[in-house]
Amino acid sequence: MFVRVQTFHQPAEELDKLGALVREQFAAQAEPPGFKGFQFLVDRENGKALLVSYWETEEDLVRLEATNAAMRERARERGVEPPVAEVFEVTAAAGSAFVGG
């Protein structure tokens, strides 16, 4: 399993709007191949949020990145820098809160 982590820096008052937008986008789209779920984590005190999505294989993430490349470019053209995205392989997990565990 692989995890994609996007880091957002927003004023605290914007984090709820961002969370609502994330939920709407996931609900509006057909579930991509290999998608296992997501979590949106908020640190209001520091104006930071993480969008963590879970994927069956690395190939699933490669497809996602290719699809998202055009969206990131459109955002840059409008002067909006897309969030930093990092990919991690899950090598150990425990607990009932683990998505896909």
N, C-alpha and C. Protein backbone atom coordinates (compact mmCIF):
# COMPACT_ATOMS: atom_id res chain seq x y z
N MET A 1 0.85 -1.18 0.00
CA MET A 1 0.00 0.00 0.00
C MET A 1 0.89 1.23 0.00
N PHE A 2 0.38 2.29 -0.63
CA PHE A 2 1.10 3.56 -0.72
C PHE A 2 0.22 4.69 -0.21
N VAL A 3 0.87 5.72 0.30
CA VAL A 3 0.18 6.88 0.85
C VAL A 3 0.72 8.12 0.16
N ARG A 4 -0.20 8.98 -0.22
CA ARG A 4 0.17 10.29 -0.79
C ARG A 4 -0.23 11.34 0.23
N VAL A 5 0.73 12.19 0.61
CA VAL A 5 0.48 13.22 1.62
C VAL A 5 0.67 14.58 0.96
N GLN A 6 -0.39 15.38 0.99
CA GLN A 6 -0.33 16.75 0.48
C GLN A 6 -0.36 17.69 1.68
N THR A 7 0.53 18.68 1.68
CA THR A 7 0.61 19.63 2.77
C THR A 7 0.10 20.98 2.31
N PHE A 8 -0.86 21.52 3.06
CA PHE A 8 -1.47 22.81 2.76
C PHE A 8 -1.13 23.79 3.89
N HIS A 9 -0.85 25.02 3.53
CA HIS A 9 -0.67 26.09 4.51
C HIS A 9 -1.72 27.15 4.20
N GLN A 10 -2.66 27.31 5.12
CA GLN A 10 -3.79 28.23 4.94
C GLN A 10 -4.05 28.94 6.26
N PRO A 11 -4.61 30.14 6.20
CA PRO A 11 -5.06 30.76 7.45
C PRO A 11 -6.08 29.84 8.13
N ALA A 12 -6.06 29.84 9.45
CA ALA A 12 -6.93 28.93 10.22
C ALA A 12 -8.39 29.02 9.79
N GLU A 13 -8.87 30.21 9.49
CA GLU A 13 -10.29 30.37 9.13
C GLU A 13 -10.61 29.76 7.77
N GLU A 14 -9.61 29.47 6.96
CA GLU A 14 -9.84 28.88 5.65
C GLU A 14 -9.80 27.35 5.66
N LEU A 15 -9.34 26.76 6.76
CA LEU A 15 -9.16 25.31 6.79
C LEU A 15 -10.48 24.54 6.68
N ASP A 16 -11.56 25.05 7.28
CA ASP A 16 -12.85 24.37 7.16
C ASP A 16 -13.36 24.42 5.72
N LYS A 17 -13.16 25.55 5.05
CA LYS A 17 -13.54 25.66 3.64
C LYS A 17 -12.74 24.68 2.79
N LEU A 18 -11.47 24.58 3.07
CA LEU A 18 -10.61 23.65 2.34
C LEU A 18 -11.06 22.21 2.58
N GLY A 19 -11.37 21.88 3.82
CA GLY A 19 -11.86 20.54 4.13
C GLY A 19 -13.16 20.21 3.41
N ALA A 20 -14.06 21.17 3.34
CA ALA A 20 -15.33 20.96 2.62
C ALA A 20 -15.06 20.75 1.14
N LEU A 21 -14.14 21.52 0.58
CA LEU A 21 -13.79 21.37 -0.84
C LEU A 21 -13.20 19.98 -1.10
N VAL A 22 -12.34 19.52 -0.22
CA VAL A 22 -11.74 18.18 -0.37
C VAL A 22 -12.83 17.12 -0.36
N ARG A 23 -13.75 17.20 0.60
CA ARG A 23 -14.84 16.21 0.68
C ARG A 23 -15.70 16.24 -0.59
N GLU A 24 -16.02 17.44 -1.07
CA GLU A 24 -16.83 17.57 -2.29
C GLU A 24 -16.13 16.96 -3.50
N GLN A 25 -14.83 17.24 -3.62
CA GLN A 25 -14.09 16.71 -4.77
C GLN A 25 -14.04 15.19 -4.76
N PHE A 26 -13.81 14.59 -3.60
CA PHE A 26 -13.77 13.13 -3.52
C PHE A 26 -15.16 12.54 -3.78
N ALA A 27 -16.21 13.21 -3.31
CA ALA A 27 -17.57 12.69 -3.50
C ALA A 27 -18.02 12.83 -4.96
N ALA A 28 -17.55 13.88 -5.64
CA ALA A 28 -18.01 14.16 -7.00
C ALA A 28 -17.33 13.29 -8.05
N GLN A 29 -16.18 12.76 -7.74
CA GLN A 29 -15.41 12.00 -8.72
C GLN A 29 -15.71 10.52 -8.61
N ALA A 30 -15.58 9.83 -9.73
CA ALA A 30 -15.63 8.37 -9.69
C ALA A 30 -14.38 7.90 -8.95
N GLU A 31 -14.52 6.85 -8.20
CA GLU A 31 -13.39 6.35 -7.42
C GLU A 31 -12.29 5.85 -8.35
N PRO A 32 -11.10 6.46 -8.26
CA PRO A 32 -10.01 6.04 -9.15
C PRO A 32 -9.54 4.62 -8.83
N PRO A 33 -8.95 3.94 -9.80
CA PRO A 33 -8.44 2.59 -9.55
C PRO A 33 -7.42 2.59 -8.41
N GLY A 34 -7.56 1.65 -7.51
CA GLY A 34 -6.61 1.50 -6.42
C GLY A 34 -6.84 2.40 -5.22
N PHE A 35 -7.81 3.31 -5.29
CA PHE A 35 -8.08 4.24 -4.19
C PHE A 35 -8.67 3.49 -3.00
N LYS A 36 -8.09 3.72 -1.81
CA LYS A 36 -8.55 3.02 -0.61
C LYS A 36 -9.16 3.95 0.43
N GLY A 37 -9.07 5.26 0.23
CA GLY A 37 -9.67 6.19 1.19
C GLY A 37 -8.75 7.38 1.44
N PHE A 38 -9.22 8.30 2.28
CA PHE A 38 -8.41 9.47 2.61
C PHE A 38 -8.73 9.97 4.01
N GLN A 39 -7.85 10.79 4.52
CA GLN A 39 -8.05 11.50 5.77
C GLN A 39 -7.59 12.93 5.55
N PHE A 40 -8.32 13.89 6.12
CA PHE A 40 -7.94 15.30 6.07
C PHE A 40 -7.64 15.73 7.49
N LEU A 41 -6.40 16.08 7.75
CA LEU A 41 -5.93 16.40 9.09
C LEU A 41 -5.67 17.90 9.19
N VAL A 42 -6.12 18.52 10.28
CA VAL A 42 -6.03 19.97 10.43
C VAL A 42 -5.31 20.34 11.71
N ASP A 43 -4.37 21.27 11.59
CA ASP A 43 -3.70 21.90 12.73
C ASP A 43 -4.09 23.37 12.67
N ARG A 44 -5.19 23.72 13.32
CA ARG A 44 -5.72 25.08 13.24
C ARG A 44 -4.75 26.12 13.84
N GLU A 45 -4.09 25.74 14.90
CA GLU A 45 -3.18 26.66 15.58
C GLU A 45 -2.07 27.15 14.66
N ASN A 46 -1.59 26.27 13.79
CA ASN A 46 -0.49 26.61 12.90
C ASN A 46 -0.91 26.83 11.45
N GLY A 47 -2.22 26.78 11.16
CA GLY A 47 -2.71 27.02 9.80
C GLY A 47 -2.18 26.02 8.80
N LYS A 48 -2.22 24.75 9.18
CA LYS A 48 -1.66 23.69 8.34
C LYS A 48 -2.64 22.53 8.26
N ALA A 49 -2.69 21.91 7.09
CA ALA A 49 -3.54 20.74 6.91
C ALA A 49 -2.80 19.71 6.06
N LEU A 50 -3.12 18.45 6.28
CA LEU A 50 -2.57 17.35 5.49
C LEU A 50 -3.72 16.58 4.88
N LEU A 51 -3.62 16.29 3.61
CA LEU A 51 -4.56 15.40 2.93
C LEU A 51 -3.80 14.11 2.67
N VAL A 52 -4.21 13.05 3.35
CA VAL A 52 -3.54 11.75 3.24
C VAL A 52 -4.47 10.81 2.49
N SER A 53 -4.03 10.32 1.34
CA SER A 53 -4.84 9.37 0.59
C SER A 53 -4.09 8.05 0.49
N TYR A 54 -4.85 6.97 0.46
CA TYR A 54 -4.31 5.61 0.50
C TYR A 54 -4.57 4.91 -0.83
N TRP A 55 -3.54 4.22 -1.33
CA TRP A 55 -3.58 3.62 -2.66
C TRP A 55 -3.04 2.20 -2.61
N GLU A 56 -3.64 1.34 -3.38
CA GLU A 56 -3.27 -0.07 -3.41
C GLU A 56 -1.84 -0.27 -3.92
N THR A 57 -1.49 0.38 -5.04
CA THR A 57 -0.16 0.15 -5.64
C THR A 57 0.48 1.49 -6.03
N GLU A 58 1.76 1.45 -6.27
CA GLU A 58 2.47 2.63 -6.73
C GLU A 58 2.00 3.03 -8.12
N GLU A 59 1.64 2.06 -8.94
CA GLU A 59 1.14 2.34 -10.28
C GLU A 59 -0.16 3.15 -10.23
N ASP A 60 -1.00 2.88 -9.24
CA ASP A 60 -2.23 3.65 -9.07
C ASP A 60 -1.89 5.13 -8.82
N LEU A 61 -0.86 5.37 -8.04
CA LEU A 61 -0.44 6.74 -7.76
C LEU A 61 0.17 7.41 -8.99
N VAL A 62 0.90 6.67 -9.78
CA VAL A 62 1.48 7.22 -11.01
C VAL A 62 0.36 7.70 -11.93
N ARG A 63 -0.71 6.91 -12.05
CA ARG A 63 -1.87 7.31 -12.86
C ARG A 63 -2.50 8.59 -12.31
N LEU A 64 -2.65 8.64 -10.99
CA LEU A 64 -3.23 9.83 -10.35
C LEU A 64 -2.38 11.06 -10.63
N GLU A 65 -1.08 10.95 -10.47
CA GLU A 65 -0.19 12.09 -10.70
C GLU A 65 -0.28 12.57 -12.14
N ALA A 66 -0.37 11.66 -13.08
CA ALA A 66 -0.50 12.05 -14.49
C ALA A 66 -1.81 12.81 -14.71
N THR A 67 -2.87 12.36 -14.09
CA THR A 67 -4.18 13.02 -14.21
C THR A 67 -4.15 14.41 -13.57
N ASN A 68 -3.46 14.52 -12.43
CA ASN A 68 -3.44 15.79 -11.69
C ASN A 68 -2.47 16.81 -12.26
N ALA A 69 -1.58 16.41 -13.15
CA ALA A 69 -0.58 17.33 -13.69
C ALA A 69 -1.23 18.53 -14.36
N ALA A 70 -2.27 18.31 -15.13
CA ALA A 70 -2.96 19.41 -15.82
C ALA A 70 -3.62 20.36 -14.82
N MET A 71 -4.20 19.81 -13.76
CA MET A 71 -4.84 20.66 -12.75
C MET A 71 -3.81 21.53 -12.03
N ARG A 72 -2.65 20.95 -11.71
CA ARG A 72 -1.60 21.72 -11.06
C ARG A 72 -1.11 22.85 -11.96
N GLU A 73 -0.98 22.57 -13.25
CA GLU A 73 -0.52 23.60 -14.19
C GLU A 73 -1.53 24.74 -14.29
N ARG A 74 -2.83 24.42 -14.33
CA ARG A 74 -3.86 25.46 -14.37
C ARG A 74 -3.80 26.32 -13.10
N ALA A 75 -3.58 25.68 -11.96
CA ALA A 75 -3.47 26.44 -10.70
C ALA A 75 -2.29 27.40 -10.75
N ARG A 76 -1.15 26.92 -11.24
CA ARG A 76 0.04 27.79 -11.34
C ARG A 76 -0.23 28.98 -12.27
N GLU A 77 -0.93 28.74 -13.37
CA GLU A 77 -1.25 29.83 -14.31
C GLU A 77 -2.10 30.90 -13.64
N ARG A 78 -2.86 30.52 -12.63
CA ARG A 78 -3.71 31.48 -11.90
C ARG A 78 -2.99 32.05 -10.69
N GLY A 79 -1.71 31.72 -10.54
CA GLY A 79 -0.93 32.27 -9.43
C GLY A 79 -1.08 31.51 -8.13
N VAL A 80 -1.65 30.30 -8.18
CA VAL A 80 -1.84 29.50 -6.98
C VAL A 80 -0.83 28.35 -7.00
N GLU A 81 0.00 28.31 -5.99
CA GLU A 81 0.98 27.23 -5.93
C GLU A 81 0.31 25.99 -5.32
N PRO A 82 0.28 24.88 -6.06
CA PRO A 82 -0.33 23.65 -5.55
C PRO A 82 0.40 23.16 -4.29
N PRO A 83 -0.28 22.40 -3.46
CA PRO A 83 0.36 21.90 -2.25
C PRO A 83 1.49 20.93 -2.58
N VAL A 84 2.42 20.83 -1.67
CA VAL A 84 3.50 19.86 -1.80
C VAL A 84 2.90 18.47 -1.63
N ALA A 85 3.27 17.54 -2.51
CA ALA A 85 2.79 16.17 -2.41
C ALA A 85 3.98 15.23 -2.27
N GLU A 86 3.89 14.32 -1.31
CA GLU A 86 4.92 13.32 -1.09
C GLU A 86 4.27 11.94 -1.10
N VAL A 87 5.03 10.94 -1.50
CA VAL A 87 4.52 9.57 -1.56
C VAL A 87 5.36 8.69 -0.65
N PHE A 88 4.66 7.85 0.12
CA PHE A 88 5.32 6.94 1.03
C PHE A 88 4.77 5.53 0.84
N GLU A 89 5.62 4.55 1.02
CA GLU A 89 5.17 3.16 1.03
C GLU A 89 4.86 2.79 2.47
N VAL A 90 3.73 2.15 2.71
CA VAL A 90 3.37 1.69 4.04
C VAL A 90 4.07 0.36 4.26
N THR A 91 4.94 0.32 5.26
CA THR A 91 5.67 -0.92 5.55
C THR A 91 5.24 -1.56 6.85
N ALA A 92 4.47 -0.84 7.66
CA ALA A 92 3.93 -1.39 8.90
C ALA A 92 2.72 -0.56 9.31
N ALA A 93 1.72 -1.20 9.87
CA ALA A 93 0.53 -0.50 10.34
C ALA A 93 -0.16 -1.36 11.38
N ALA A 94 -0.88 -0.73 12.29
CA ALA A 94 -1.63 -1.44 13.31
C ALA A 94 -2.81 -0.58 13.72
N GLY A 95 -3.83 -1.20 14.28
CA GLY A 95 -4.95 -0.47 14.83
C GLY A 95 -6.15 -0.41 13.92
N SER A 96 -7.31 -0.24 14.52
CA SER A 96 -8.55 -0.24 13.76
C SER A 96 -8.73 1.01 12.93
N ALA A 97 -8.00 2.10 13.23
CA ALA A 97 -8.15 3.33 12.46
C ALA A 97 -7.37 3.29 11.15
N PHE A 98 -6.53 2.31 10.98
CA PHE A 98 -5.74 2.22 9.75
C PHE A 98 -6.65 1.91 8.57
N VAL A 99 -6.65 2.80 7.57
CA VAL A 99 -7.47 2.61 6.38
C VAL A 99 -6.84 1.52 5.53
N GLY A 100 -7.61 0.52 5.16
CA GLY A 100 -7.11 -0.53 4.31
C GLY A 100 -6.35 -1.60 5.04
N GLY A 101 -6.27 -1.51 6.37
CA GLY A 101 -5.49 -2.44 7.17
C GLY A 101 -6.20 -3.72 7.33
